[in-house]
Structure formats: structure tokens, C-alpha cells
Amino acid sequence: NGDPADIFKAPTKHCKPCPPDAICATNTTLETLGIPRNHWRASLLTTEIHECDASDHCSGSEVERSRRRLTATLSTGATADGSGCDTGHTGPLCEWCVSDEQYFDRAERG
């Protein structure tokens, strides 16, 4: 984080190129990077974006997250980091099922 006075003196020094596979609209910050569908990132504080090869459940940041999904994500021990999984899925690359009565099968995509 830069000193606010420094940011106003040299604003372009603090601007970074848009990471590969990210969507950068005007005034994008690290926390608001757009993540396309079928992509995932571990937290709002990383620029590392992964393609979801084994899962069709990565919603990216294009889908509004519901309070229900946030609650489900928190109950699994994962963080509410905006990583973008469809309802019912969580974890790295959205490959964890929220329900204790389901499992994720890598052999059968989706």
C-alpha cells in the first residue's frame, strides 16, 4: 500500500497491468478484478487466476454471490474470499461439495 500523498503525486506508478485471464474495467483494484466463468482465484488478494479444468462450477466474479452460498462456504471451513463457485460447490477450483451427502468426481466433469 502506498502513501496517499505519493499516490496523488505519481498515480501511474501504482497502476499494474491487468493479469492474464482477468477482466479489468476502469478503476479496477486487486480486490475487484473480474474473473471469467470457468476460472478461479484463491483470494481477493491474489492476481493468480486458474482455469477450472475438472469442474464446470467456477462462476468467476460475474455472478452475484448469495448470502446462502456465503454461509455454506463458511460452514466448510473455507474463506469467504469471493473465489466464485456455483451454489453447492466450494474450495480450490470449486472441487469440494458443500453437502456431506455428495462427493466430487474428477472423472466425470461437472
Foldseek 3Di string as FASTA:
>chain_A
DDDVVVCVVPVVVPDDDQAPQWDDDPPDDLQRIFHAQQKWDQASNDSDIGGLPQENFFHTQPDDDDPVQQVLQVVVVGHPGSRGGHRQFDDDSRQAGSDPVDHGDSVDYD
